[in-house]
Amino acid sequence: MDVQELADAVRRGSPRAVARLISLVEDAAAVPGRDGVLRQVMARLATGAGGPCGARVIGLTGAPGVGKSTTTNMLIAALRGRGHRVGVLAVDPSSPFTGGALLGDRVRMRGHATDPDVFIRSMSSRGHLGGLAWAAPQALRVLAAAGCDVILLETVGIGQIEVDIARLADTTVVLLAPGMGDDVQAAKAGILEIADVFVVNKADHEGAQATVRELRTMTSVAKGPWRPPIVTTVATRGDGAGDLLTALDKHLAHLEESGEDHRRRLTRAREEIESAALARLRSRFAGPHDDRLDALARRLLAGEVDLYTAADDVIAALNRSARPTV
């Protein structure tokens, strides 16, 4: 496909075209500077596509073993029952040795694999901390351009530092399960502070109500106009799906009434621009500037120059190289 053909195919929701474009997104994120075709296609999709602003993004996060993929699978079925076209972006941890990932989320969601109105994409984190992948924001744009009106964004499952999801999702769902450790200590660590909705999954297990009580105690002192609701589910059976959809609907209504949805998306757009700009700058370090960096690194180790002077030298060199020649 040429650029225009690929863009048109993505807009039609072609699974093959969407998969190819997301692969281009991942490749460009992994090797900055290799984004020629990607930039052309994304430019064509930007007009009228709405990016992720055209789709509702629901993030699901929590420690490994709480049932994120199973809950995502349950949500797909519930949303499809409402007639939504659903995109799923599931981020898996990558191997520190090969860079590959198991991408097992697709196995858990295989029941929706033949549904033409469900697009499921697994993505390797490629070492990026925070539970997501560098390519996630652009991948969301691709899914939105393909007509997905709801996108489920599932994080790696790394635990307490997994907070990047709050920057990308309109609604962040934090999952817990009984018997997963000291929930109060986890609350102090930060991940629970990003929750818009809490889900206590595996509610048929012993200790589920104790987890709910601890969460109620924590949310009772929450400040602000929104107090995160607590939903209990048994995702393997689909129990609690209706209650979870109700909680998500209430949060969406709150976002729209308060104007918080626009503020969140504006912040997200600003961070996307900043991230893209920094990626472009990083790509310019390669090639002719490698020798300069090596020389400055040797001088820094030898105590001949301080860190900030070395950084100023690099920036000055980048500025000189960016000036047009006469």
C-alpha atoms as a PDB file:
ATOM      1  CA  MET A   1       0.000   0.000   0.000  1.00  0.00           C
ATOM      2  CA  ASP A   2       1.077   3.582  -0.627  1.00  0.00           C
ATOM      3  CA  VAL A   3       0.616   6.256   2.028  1.00  0.00           C
ATOM      4  CA  GLN A   4      -2.852   7.398   0.955  1.00  0.00           C
ATOM      5  CA  GLU A   5      -4.057   3.833   0.462  1.00  0.00           C
ATOM      6  CA  LEU A   6      -2.844   2.841   3.923  1.00  0.00           C
ATOM      7  CA  ALA A   7      -4.539   5.854   5.522  1.00  0.00           C
ATOM      8  CA  ASP A   8      -7.814   5.094   3.723  1.00  0.00           C
ATOM      9  CA  ALA A   9      -7.646   1.429   4.736  1.00  0.00           C
ATOM     10  CA  VAL A  10      -7.120   2.384   8.383  1.00  0.00           C
ATOM     11  CA  ARG A  11     -10.154   4.688   8.255  1.00  0.00           C
ATOM     12  CA  ARG A  12     -12.187   1.790   6.876  1.00  0.00           C
ATOM     13  CA  GLY A  13     -11.106  -0.259   9.874  1.00  0.00           C
ATOM     14  CA  SER A  14      -9.051  -2.790   7.912  1.00  0.00           C
ATOM     15  CA  PRO A  15      -7.413  -5.038  10.547  1.00  0.00           C
ATOM     16  CA  ARG A  16      -4.407  -5.615   8.305  1.00  0.00           C
ATOM     17  CA  ALA A  17      -3.876  -1.876   7.740  1.00  0.00           C
ATOM     18  CA  VAL A  18      -4.310  -1.056  11.444  1.00  0.00           C
ATOM     19  CA  ALA A  19      -1.828  -3.778  12.404  1.00  0.00           C
ATOM     20  CA  ARG A  20       0.678  -2.533   9.834  1.00  0.00           C
ATOM     21  CA  LEU A  21       0.420   1.086  10.969  1.00  0.00           C
ATOM     22  CA  ILE A  22       0.793   0.205  14.653  1.00  0.00           C
ATOM     23  CA  SER A  23       3.884  -1.818  13.704  1.00  0.00           C
ATOM     24  CA  LEU A  24       5.244   1.304  11.996  1.00  0.00           C
ATOM     25  CA  VAL A  25       4.509   3.237  15.194  1.00  0.00           C
ATOM     26  CA  GLU A  26       6.429   0.691  17.272  1.00  0.00           C
ATOM     27  CA  ASP A  27       9.388   0.660  14.882  1.00  0.00           C
ATOM     28  CA  ALA A  28       9.618   4.457  14.879  1.00  0.00           C
ATOM     29  CA  ALA A  29       9.473   4.499  18.687  1.00  0.00           C
ATOM     30  CA  ALA A  30      12.218   1.886  18.926  1.00  0.00           C
ATOM     31  CA  VAL A  31      14.515   3.568  16.362  1.00  0.00           C
ATOM     32  CA  PRO A  32      13.953   7.356  16.337  1.00  0.00           C
ATOM     33  CA  GLY A  33      14.349   8.840  12.890  1.00  0.00           C
ATOM     34  CA  ARG A  34      12.772   5.895  11.041  1.00  0.00           C
ATOM     35  CA  ASP A  35       9.392   7.550  10.800  1.00  0.00           C
ATOM     36  CA  GLY A  36       9.158   8.748   7.210  1.00  0.00           C
ATOM     37  CA  VAL A  37       6.096   6.760   6.091  1.00  0.00           C
ATOM     38  CA  LEU A  38       4.568   6.913   9.566  1.00  0.00           C
ATOM     39  CA  ARG A  39       4.634  10.700   9.582  1.00  0.00           C
ATOM     40  CA  GLN A  40       2.927  10.883   6.200  1.00  0.00           C
ATOM     41  CA  VAL A  41       0.162   8.463   7.178  1.00  0.00           C
ATOM     42  CA  MET A  42      -0.458  10.063  10.581  1.00  0.00           C
ATOM     43  CA  ALA A  43      -0.657  13.483   8.925  1.00  0.00           C
ATOM     44  CA  ARG A  44      -3.404  12.189   6.640  1.00  0.00           C
ATOM     45  CA  LEU A  45      -5.254  10.567   9.534  1.00  0.00           C
ATOM     46  CA  ALA A  46      -5.078  13.678  11.715  1.00  0.00           C
ATOM     47  CA  THR A  47      -7.688  15.574   9.711  1.00  0.00           C
ATOM     48  CA  GLY A  48     -11.113  14.546  10.917  1.00  0.00           C
ATOM     49  CA  ALA A  49      -9.873  11.451  12.726  1.00  0.00           C
ATOM     50  CA  GLY A  50      -9.892  13.132  16.139  1.00  0.00           C
ATOM     51  CA  GLY A  51      -7.018  11.024  17.441  1.00  0.00           C
ATOM     52  CA  PRO A  52      -7.629   9.523  20.867  1.00  0.00           C
ATOM     53  CA  CYS A  53      -9.863  12.554  21.529  1.00  0.00           C
ATOM     54  CA  GLY A  54     -12.344  10.873  19.193  1.00  0.00           C
ATOM     55  CA  ALA A  55     -12.468   7.772  21.378  1.00  0.00           C
ATOM     56  CA  ARG A  56     -13.010   7.161  25.044  1.00  0.00           C
ATOM     57  CA  VAL A  57      -9.883   5.659  26.604  1.00  0.00           C
ATOM     58  CA  ILE A  58     -10.344   3.435  29.651  1.00  0.00           C
ATOM     59  CA  GLY A  59      -7.149   2.364  31.394  1.00  0.00           C
ATOM     60  CA  LEU A  60      -6.846  -0.797  33.456  1.00  0.00           C
ATOM     61  CA  THR A  61      -3.940  -1.248  35.824  1.00  0.00           C
ATOM     62  CA  GLY A  62      -2.938  -3.191  38.916  1.00  0.00           C
ATOM     63  CA  ALA A  63      -0.439  -5.673  40.208  1.00  0.00           C
ATOM     64  CA  PRO A  64       0.211  -8.936  38.341  1.00  0.00           C
ATOM     65  CA  GLY A  65      -2.372 -11.572  39.095  1.00  0.00           C
ATOM     66  CA  VAL A  66      -5.351  -9.329  39.869  1.00  0.00           C
ATOM     67  CA  GLY A  67      -7.089 -10.288  36.627  1.00  0.00           C
ATOM     68  CA  LYS A  68      -6.549  -7.304  34.330  1.00  0.00           C
ATOM     69  CA  SER A  69      -6.778  -9.296  31.094  1.00  0.00           C
ATOM     70  CA  THR A  70      -9.804 -11.246  32.296  1.00  0.00           C
ATOM     71  CA  THR A  71     -11.518  -8.015  33.326  1.00  0.00           C
ATOM     72  CA  THR A  72     -10.643  -6.484  29.960  1.00  0.00           C
ATOM     73  CA  ASN A  73     -12.185  -9.516  28.265  1.00  0.00           C
ATOM     74  CA  MET A  74     -15.331  -9.066  30.372  1.00  0.00           C
ATOM     75  CA  LEU A  75     -15.510  -5.375  29.468  1.00  0.00           C
ATOM     76  CA  ILE A  76     -15.169  -6.120  25.746  1.00  0.00           C
ATOM     77  CA  ALA A  77     -18.260  -8.341  25.901  1.00  0.00           C
ATOM     78  CA  ALA A  78     -20.220  -5.753  27.902  1.00  0.00           C
ATOM     79  CA  LEU A  79     -19.292  -2.879  25.579  1.00  0.00           C
ATOM     80  CA  ARG A  80     -20.033  -4.906  22.465  1.00  0.00           C
ATOM     81  CA  GLY A  81     -23.449  -5.605  23.995  1.00  0.00           C
ATOM     82  CA  ARG A  82     -24.016  -1.846  23.865  1.00  0.00           C
ATOM     83  CA  GLY A  83     -22.960  -1.685  20.231  1.00  0.00           C
ATOM     84  CA  HIS A  84     -19.564  -0.057  20.736  1.00  0.00           C
ATOM     85  CA  ARG A  85     -16.642  -0.713  18.435  1.00  0.00           C
ATOM     86  CA  VAL A  86     -13.847  -1.641  20.826  1.00  0.00           C
ATOM     87  CA  GLY A  87     -10.092  -1.356  20.528  1.00  0.00           C
ATOM     88  CA  VAL A  88      -7.752  -3.028  23.000  1.00  0.00           C
ATOM     89  CA  LEU A  89      -4.125  -2.102  23.513  1.00  0.00           C
ATOM     90  CA  ALA A  90      -2.510  -4.549  25.924  1.00  0.00           C
ATOM     91  CA  VAL A  91       1.070  -3.819  26.974  1.00  0.00           C
ATOM     92  CA  ASP A  92       3.198  -6.791  28.023  1.00  0.00           C
ATOM     93  CA  PRO A  93       6.628  -6.753  29.688  1.00  0.00           C
ATOM     94  CA  SER A  94       9.535  -7.363  27.335  1.00  0.00           C
ATOM     95  CA  SER A  95      12.492  -9.649  27.864  1.00  0.00           C
ATOM     96  CA  PRO A  96      15.664  -7.839  29.040  1.00  0.00           C
ATOM     97  CA  PHE A  97      17.657 -10.318  26.927  1.00  0.00           C
ATOM     98  CA  THR A  98      15.814 -10.566  23.598  1.00  0.00           C
ATOM     99  CA  GLY A  99      13.471  -7.586  23.740  1.00  0.00           C
ATOM    100  CA  GLY A 100      10.556  -9.904  22.924  1.00  0.00           C
ATOM    101  CA  ALA A 101       7.353 -10.365  24.873  1.00  0.00           C
ATOM    102  CA  LEU A 102       4.957 -13.230  25.505  1.00  0.00           C
ATOM    103  CA  LEU A 103       1.939 -11.132  24.437  1.00  0.00           C
ATOM    104  CA  GLY A 104      -0.310 -13.527  26.323  1.00  0.00           C
ATOM    105  CA  ASP A 105      -3.235 -11.106  26.617  1.00  0.00           C
ATOM    106  CA  ARG A 106      -4.425 -12.107  23.168  1.00  0.00           C
ATOM    107  CA  VAL A 107      -4.743 -15.699  24.398  1.00  0.00           C
ATOM    108  CA  ARG A 108      -7.100 -14.639  27.191  1.00  0.00           C
ATOM    109  CA  MET A 109      -9.187 -12.551  24.767  1.00  0.00           C
ATOM    110  CA  ARG A 110      -9.284 -15.069  21.922  1.00  0.00           C
ATOM    111  CA  GLY A 111     -13.073 -15.336  22.228  1.00  0.00           C
ATOM    112  CA  HIS A 112     -13.328 -11.933  20.510  1.00  0.00           C
ATOM    113  CA  ALA A 113     -10.716 -12.624  17.830  1.00  0.00           C
ATOM    114  CA  THR A 114     -13.279 -13.168  15.077  1.00  0.00           C
ATOM    115  CA  ASP A 115     -15.424 -10.131  15.942  1.00  0.00           C
ATOM    116  CA  PRO A 116     -14.869  -7.505  13.190  1.00  0.00           C
ATOM    117  CA  ASP A 117     -15.779  -4.722  15.639  1.00  0.00           C
ATOM    118  CA  VAL A 118     -13.058  -5.650  18.123  1.00  0.00           C
ATOM    119  CA  PHE A 119      -9.397  -4.938  17.440  1.00  0.00           C
ATOM    120  CA  ILE A 120      -6.925  -6.388  19.948  1.00  0.00           C
ATOM    121  CA  ARG A 121      -3.272  -5.441  19.798  1.00  0.00           C
ATOM    122  CA  SER A 122      -0.552  -6.561  22.184  1.00  0.00           C
ATOM    123  CA  MET A 123       2.478  -4.331  22.488  1.00  0.00           C
ATOM    124  CA  SER A 124       5.839  -4.903  24.143  1.00  0.00           C
ATOM    125  CA  SER A 125       6.906  -2.327  26.742  1.00  0.00           C
ATOM    126  CA  ARG A 126      10.483  -2.562  25.347  1.00  0.00           C
ATOM    127  CA  GLY A 127      11.917  -1.641  28.727  1.00  0.00           C
ATOM    128  CA  HIS A 128       9.854   1.516  29.210  1.00  0.00           C
ATOM    129  CA  LEU A 129       8.975   2.042  32.873  1.00  0.00           C
ATOM    130  CA  GLY A 130       5.561   3.142  34.078  1.00  0.00           C
ATOM    131  CA  GLY A 131       3.568   0.211  32.725  1.00  0.00           C
ATOM    132  CA  LEU A 132       3.157   1.396  29.135  1.00  0.00           C
ATOM    133  CA  ALA A 133       5.180   1.564  25.922  1.00  0.00           C
ATOM    134  CA  TRP A 134       6.663   4.586  24.182  1.00  0.00           C
ATOM    135  CA  ALA A 135       4.433   3.895  21.182  1.00  0.00           C
ATOM    136  CA  ALA A 136       1.176   3.728  23.158  1.00  0.00           C
ATOM    137  CA  PRO A 137      -0.080   7.310  22.508  1.00  0.00           C
ATOM    138  CA  GLN A 138       0.294   7.012  18.735  1.00  0.00           C
ATOM    139  CA  ALA A 139      -1.188   3.504  18.765  1.00  0.00           C
ATOM    140  CA  LEU A 140      -4.264   4.957  20.479  1.00  0.00           C
ATOM    141  CA  ARG A 141      -4.557   7.468  17.653  1.00  0.00           C
ATOM    142  CA  VAL A 142      -4.462   4.666  15.092  1.00  0.00           C
ATOM    143  CA  LEU A 143      -7.236   2.728  16.838  1.00  0.00           C
ATOM    144  CA  ALA A 144      -9.372   5.864  17.120  1.00  0.00           C
ATOM    145  CA  ALA A 145      -8.845   6.636  13.440  1.00  0.00           C
ATOM    146  CA  ALA A 146      -9.972   3.085  12.650  1.00  0.00           C
ATOM    147  CA  GLY A 147     -13.363   3.843  14.198  1.00  0.00           C
ATOM    148  CA  CYS A 148     -12.945   2.432  17.712  1.00  0.00           C
ATOM    149  CA  ASP A 149     -15.147   4.605  19.927  1.00  0.00           C
ATOM    150  CA  VAL A 150     -13.940   2.926  23.138  1.00  0.00           C
ATOM    151  CA  ILE A 151     -10.336   1.850  23.673  1.00  0.00           C
ATOM    152  CA  LEU A 152      -9.258  -0.319  26.591  1.00  0.00           C
ATOM    153  CA  LEU A 153      -5.636   0.300  27.555  1.00  0.00           C
ATOM    154  CA  GLU A 154      -4.189  -2.450  29.740  1.00  0.00           C
ATOM    155  CA  THR A 155      -0.839  -1.902  31.428  1.00  0.00           C
ATOM    156  CA  VAL A 156       2.019  -4.304  32.073  1.00  0.00           C
ATOM    157  CA  GLY A 157       1.163  -4.973  35.700  1.00  0.00           C
ATOM    158  CA  ILE A 158       4.302  -3.843  37.473  1.00  0.00           C
ATOM    159  CA  GLY A 159       2.687  -2.584  40.648  1.00  0.00           C
ATOM    160  CA  GLN A 160       3.207   0.575  42.602  1.00  0.00           C
ATOM    161  CA  ILE A 161       5.040   2.752  40.049  1.00  0.00           C
ATOM    162  CA  GLU A 162       2.600   2.049  37.241  1.00  0.00           C
ATOM    163  CA  VAL A 163       1.080   5.528  37.024  1.00  0.00           C
ATOM    164  CA  ASP A 164       1.653   6.588  33.383  1.00  0.00           C
ATOM    165  CA  ILE A 165      -1.803   5.249  32.576  1.00  0.00           C
ATOM    166  CA  ALA A 166      -3.407   8.259  34.304  1.00  0.00           C
ATOM    167  CA  ARG A 167      -1.857  10.542  31.674  1.00  0.00           C
ATOM    168  CA  LEU A 168      -3.373   8.651  28.745  1.00  0.00           C
ATOM    169  CA  ALA A 169      -6.739   7.406  29.989  1.00  0.00           C
ATOM    170  CA  ASP A 170      -9.971   9.340  30.406  1.00  0.00           C
ATOM    171  CA  THR A 171     -10.893   6.918  33.177  1.00  0.00           C
ATOM    172  CA  THR A 172      -8.349   4.875  35.139  1.00  0.00           C
ATOM    173  CA  VAL A 173      -9.550   1.606  36.652  1.00  0.00           C
ATOM    174  CA  VAL A 174      -7.303   0.190  39.391  1.00  0.00           C
ATOM    175  CA  LEU A 175      -7.804  -3.501  40.078  1.00  0.00           C
ATOM    176  CA  LEU A 176      -7.071  -5.322  43.319  1.00  0.00           C
ATOM    177  CA  ALA A 177      -7.692  -8.851  44.482  1.00  0.00           C
ATOM    178  CA  PRO A 178      -7.890 -10.388  47.954  1.00  0.00           C
ATOM    179  CA  GLY A 179      -4.771 -12.080  49.201  1.00  0.00           C
ATOM    180  CA  MET A 180      -2.399  -9.925  47.127  1.00  0.00           C
ATOM    181  CA  GLY A 181      -0.617  -8.392  50.106  1.00  0.00           C
ATOM    182  CA  ASP A 182      -1.011  -5.344  52.310  1.00  0.00           C
ATOM    183  CA  ASP A 183      -3.530  -3.187  50.449  1.00  0.00           C
ATOM    184  CA  VAL A 184      -3.144  -0.263  52.849  1.00  0.00           C
ATOM    185  CA  GLN A 185       0.595  -0.201  52.220  1.00  0.00           C
ATOM    186  CA  ALA A 186      -0.080  -0.277  48.498  1.00  0.00           C
ATOM    187  CA  ALA A 187      -2.374   2.716  48.919  1.00  0.00           C
ATOM    188  CA  LYS A 188       0.463   4.684  50.461  1.00  0.00           C
ATOM    189  CA  ALA A 189       2.720   3.867  47.526  1.00  0.00           C
ATOM    190  CA  GLY A 190       0.834   5.906  44.966  1.00  0.00           C
ATOM    191  CA  ILE A 191      -0.788   3.598  42.431  1.00  0.00           C
ATOM    192  CA  LEU A 192      -4.160   3.702  44.171  1.00  0.00           C
ATOM    193  CA  GLU A 193      -4.104   7.494  44.147  1.00  0.00           C
ATOM    194  CA  ILE A 194      -4.624   7.554  40.374  1.00  0.00           C
ATOM    195  CA  ALA A 195      -7.842   5.513  40.487  1.00  0.00           C
ATOM    196  CA  ASP A 196     -11.093   6.889  39.126  1.00  0.00           C
ATOM    197  CA  VAL A 197     -12.769   3.536  39.738  1.00  0.00           C
ATOM    198  CA  PHE A 198     -11.666   0.682  41.999  1.00  0.00           C
ATOM    199  CA  VAL A 199     -12.376  -2.937  41.113  1.00  0.00           C
ATOM    200  CA  VAL A 200     -11.957  -5.716  43.650  1.00  0.00           C
ATOM    201  CA  ASN A 201     -11.771  -8.739  41.381  1.00  0.00           C
ATOM    202  CA  LYS A 202     -12.021 -12.380  42.479  1.00  0.00           C
ATOM    203  CA  ALA A 203     -14.716 -11.274  44.903  1.00  0.00           C
ATOM    204  CA  ASP A 204     -15.640 -14.909  45.515  1.00  0.00           C
ATOM    205  CA  HIS A 205     -12.296 -15.420  47.300  1.00  0.00           C
ATOM    206  CA  GLU A 206     -11.782 -15.139  51.030  1.00  0.00           C
ATOM    207  CA  GLY A 207     -10.780 -11.642  52.138  1.00  0.00           C
ATOM    208  CA  ALA A 208     -12.590  -9.758  49.367  1.00  0.00           C
ATOM    209  CA  GLN A 209     -14.870  -7.859  51.739  1.00  0.00           C
ATOM    210  CA  ALA A 210     -11.888  -6.917  53.914  1.00  0.00           C
ATOM    211  CA  THR A 211     -10.260  -5.377  50.845  1.00  0.00           C
ATOM    212  CA  VAL A 212     -13.473  -3.477  50.077  1.00  0.00           C
ATOM    213  CA  ARG A 213     -13.617  -2.140  53.650  1.00  0.00           C
ATOM    214  CA  GLU A 214     -10.023  -0.928  53.471  1.00  0.00           C
ATOM    215  CA  LEU A 215     -10.733   0.861  50.220  1.00  0.00           C
ATOM    216  CA  ARG A 216     -13.859   2.475  51.651  1.00  0.00           C
ATOM    217  CA  THR A 217     -11.846   3.759  54.591  1.00  0.00           C
ATOM    218  CA  MET A 218      -9.253   5.198  52.231  1.00  0.00           C
ATOM    219  CA  THR A 219     -11.753   6.839  49.857  1.00  0.00           C
ATOM    220  CA  SER A 220     -13.807   8.300  52.708  1.00  0.00           C
ATOM    221  CA  VAL A 221     -11.122  10.938  53.226  1.00  0.00           C
ATOM    222  CA  ALA A 222     -10.600  11.597  49.505  1.00  0.00           C
ATOM    223  CA  LYS A 223     -10.595  15.273  48.543  1.00  0.00           C
ATOM    224  CA  GLY A 224     -12.179  16.694  45.447  1.00  0.00           C
ATOM    225  CA  PRO A 225     -15.577  16.405  43.771  1.00  0.00           C
ATOM    226  CA  TRP A 226     -15.115  12.774  42.679  1.00  0.00           C
ATOM    227  CA  ARG A 227     -14.958   9.875  45.114  1.00  0.00           C
ATOM    228  CA  PRO A 228     -13.871   6.685  43.320  1.00  0.00           C
ATOM    229  CA  PRO A 229     -16.572   4.009  43.513  1.00  0.00           C
ATOM    230  CA  ILE A 230     -15.663   0.456  44.503  1.00  0.00           C
ATOM    231  CA  VAL A 231     -16.962  -2.363  42.322  1.00  0.00           C
ATOM    232  CA  THR A 232     -16.679  -6.077  43.093  1.00  0.00           C
ATOM    233  CA  THR A 233     -16.344  -8.527  40.218  1.00  0.00           C
ATOM    234  CA  VAL A 234     -15.674 -12.141  39.377  1.00  0.00           C
ATOM    235  CA  ALA A 235     -14.393 -11.497  35.884  1.00  0.00           C
ATOM    236  CA  THR A 236     -13.996 -15.154  34.962  1.00  0.00           C
ATOM    237  CA  ARG A 237     -17.798 -15.499  35.221  1.00  0.00           C
ATOM    238  CA  GLY A 238     -18.701 -12.010  34.037  1.00  0.00           C
ATOM    239  CA  ASP A 239     -20.138 -11.129  37.442  1.00  0.00           C
ATOM    240  CA  GLY A 240     -20.152  -7.400  38.124  1.00  0.00           C
ATOM    241  CA  ALA A 241     -19.822  -6.289  34.498  1.00  0.00           C
ATOM    242  CA  GLY A 242     -23.010  -4.222  34.696  1.00  0.00           C
ATOM    243  CA  ASP A 243     -21.909  -2.527  37.915  1.00  0.00           C
ATOM    244  CA  LEU A 244     -18.542  -1.690  36.371  1.00  0.00           C
ATOM    245  CA  LEU A 245     -20.167  -0.156  33.287  1.00  0.00           C
ATOM    246  CA  THR A 246     -22.418   1.921  35.554  1.00  0.00           C
ATOM    247  CA  ALA A 247     -19.391   3.221  37.474  1.00  0.00           C
ATOM    248  CA  LEU A 248     -17.613   4.060  34.217  1.00  0.00           C
ATOM    249  CA  ASP A 249     -20.706   5.892  32.928  1.00  0.00           C
ATOM    250  CA  LYS A 250     -20.927   7.954  36.112  1.00  0.00           C
ATOM    251  CA  HIS A 251     -17.287   8.959  35.830  1.00  0.00           C
ATOM    252  CA  LEU A 252     -17.744   9.943  32.191  1.00  0.00           C
ATOM    253  CA  ALA A 253     -20.726  12.116  33.169  1.00  0.00           C
ATOM    254  CA  HIS A 254     -18.632  13.723  35.920  1.00  0.00           C
ATOM    255  CA  LEU A 255     -15.817  14.483  33.462  1.00  0.00           C
ATOM    256  CA  GLU A 256     -18.198  16.103  30.989  1.00  0.00           C
ATOM    257  CA  GLU A 257     -20.122  18.144  33.586  1.00  0.00           C
ATOM    258  CA  SER A 258     -16.967  19.426  35.296  1.00  0.00           C
ATOM    259  CA  GLY A 259     -14.964  20.090  32.139  1.00  0.00           C
ATOM    260  CA  GLU A 260     -12.258  17.774  33.438  1.00  0.00           C
ATOM    261  CA  ASP A 261     -12.404  15.706  30.236  1.00  0.00           C
ATOM    262  CA  HIS A 262     -11.168  18.673  28.183  1.00  0.00           C
ATOM    263  CA  ARG A 263      -8.462  19.518  30.716  1.00  0.00           C
ATOM    264  CA  ARG A 264      -7.194  15.938  30.765  1.00  0.00           C
ATOM    265  CA  ARG A 265      -7.105  15.660  26.988  1.00  0.00           C
ATOM    266  CA  LEU A 266      -5.390  19.033  26.624  1.00  0.00           C
ATOM    267  CA  THR A 267      -2.709  17.911  29.077  1.00  0.00           C
ATOM    268  CA  ARG A 268      -2.352  14.645  27.176  1.00  0.00           C
ATOM    269  CA  ALA A 269      -1.964  16.459  23.867  1.00  0.00           C
ATOM    270  CA  ARG A 270       0.715  18.740  25.321  1.00  0.00           C
ATOM    271  CA  GLU A 271       2.642  15.753  26.690  1.00  0.00           C
ATOM    272  CA  GLU A 272       2.395  13.969  23.325  1.00  0.00           C
ATOM    273  CA  ILE A 273       3.888  16.988  21.559  1.00  0.00           C
ATOM    274  CA  GLU A 274       6.655  17.245  24.147  1.00  0.00           C
ATOM    275  CA  SER A 275       7.417  13.528  23.866  1.00  0.00           C
ATOM    276  CA  ALA A 276       7.568  13.695  20.064  1.00  0.00           C
ATOM    277  CA  ALA A 277       9.823  16.753  20.176  1.00  0.00           C
ATOM    278  CA  LEU A 278      12.199  15.098  22.640  1.00  0.00           C
ATOM    279  CA  ALA A 279      12.291  11.960  20.489  1.00  0.00           C
ATOM    280  CA  ARG A 280      13.274  14.064  17.479  1.00  0.00           C
ATOM    281  CA  LEU A 281      16.026  15.743  19.483  1.00  0.00           C
ATOM    282  CA  ARG A 282      17.318  12.357  20.713  1.00  0.00           C
ATOM    283  CA  SER A 283      17.498  11.117  17.129  1.00  0.00           C
ATOM    284  CA  ARG A 284      19.751  14.035  16.230  1.00  0.00           C
ATOM    285  CA  PHE A 285      22.345  12.899  18.776  1.00  0.00           C
ATOM    286  CA  ALA A 286      23.132   9.920  16.575  1.00  0.00           C
ATOM    287  CA  GLY A 287      25.593  10.002  13.713  1.00  0.00           C
ATOM    288  CA  PRO A 288      27.820  13.089  13.547  1.00  0.00           C
ATOM    289  CA  HIS A 289      27.293  13.995  17.212  1.00  0.00           C
ATOM    290  CA  ASP A 290      28.428  10.626  18.579  1.00  0.00           C
ATOM    291  CA  ASP A 291      32.100  11.624  18.465  1.00  0.00           C
ATOM    292  CA  ARG A 292      31.355  14.905  20.220  1.00  0.00           C
ATOM    293  CA  LEU A 293      29.443  13.082  22.954  1.00  0.00           C
ATOM    294  CA  ASP A 294      32.265  10.588  23.416  1.00  0.00           C
ATOM    295  CA  ALA A 295      34.820  13.397  23.671  1.00  0.00           C
ATOM    296  CA  LEU A 296      32.696  15.285  26.190  1.00  0.00           C
ATOM    297  CA  ALA A 297      32.131  12.097  28.186  1.00  0.00           C
ATOM    298  CA  ARG A 298      35.894  11.570  28.454  1.00  0.00           C
ATOM    299  CA  ARG A 299      36.389  15.172  29.559  1.00  0.00           C
ATOM    300  CA  LEU A 300      33.616  14.832  32.146  1.00  0.00           C
ATOM    301  CA  LEU A 301      35.201  11.687  33.608  1.00  0.00           C
ATOM    302  CA  ALA A 302      38.589  13.416  33.695  1.00  0.00           C
ATOM    303  CA  GLY A 303      37.167  16.387  35.563  1.00  0.00           C
ATOM    304  CA  GLU A 304      37.981  18.790  32.737  1.00  0.00           C
ATOM    305  CA  VAL A 305      34.393  19.970  32.295  1.00  0.00           C
ATOM    306  CA  ASP A 306      31.227  19.996  34.408  1.00  0.00           C
ATOM    307  CA  LEU A 307      27.977  18.303  33.425  1.00  0.00           C
ATOM    308  CA  TYR A 308      26.028  21.436  32.563  1.00  0.00           C
ATOM    309  CA  THR A 309      28.803  22.949  30.448  1.00  0.00           C
ATOM    310  CA  ALA A 310      28.995  19.688  28.504  1.00  0.00           C
ATOM    311  CA  ALA A 311      25.234  19.721  27.999  1.00  0.00           C
ATOM    312  CA  ASP A 312      25.382  23.336  26.795  1.00  0.00           C
ATOM    313  CA  ASP A 313      28.074  22.311  24.295  1.00  0.00           C
ATOM    314  CA  VAL A 314      25.814  19.568  22.882  1.00  0.00           C
ATOM    315  CA  ILE A 315      22.822  21.893  22.604  1.00  0.00           C
ATOM    316  CA  ALA A 316      24.933  24.531  20.879  1.00  0.00           C
ATOM    317  CA  ALA A 317      26.138  21.923  18.366  1.00  0.00           C
ATOM    318  CA  LEU A 318      22.551  20.834  17.678  1.00  0.00           C
ATOM    319  CA  ASN A 319      21.488  24.429  17.139  1.00  0.00           C
ATOM    320  CA  ARG A 320      24.332  25.023  14.704  1.00  0.00           C
ATOM    321  CA  SER A 321      23.472  21.897  12.727  1.00  0.00           C
ATOM    322  CA  ALA A 322      19.820  22.972  12.528  1.00  0.00           C
ATOM    323  CA  ARG A 323      20.593  26.375  10.982  1.00  0.00           C
ATOM    324  CA  PRO A 324      19.926  26.554   7.241  1.00  0.00           C
ATOM    325  CA  THR A 325      23.004  26.958   5.086  1.00  0.00           C
ATOM    326  CA  VAL A 326      23.176  29.908   2.682  1.00  0.00           C
END
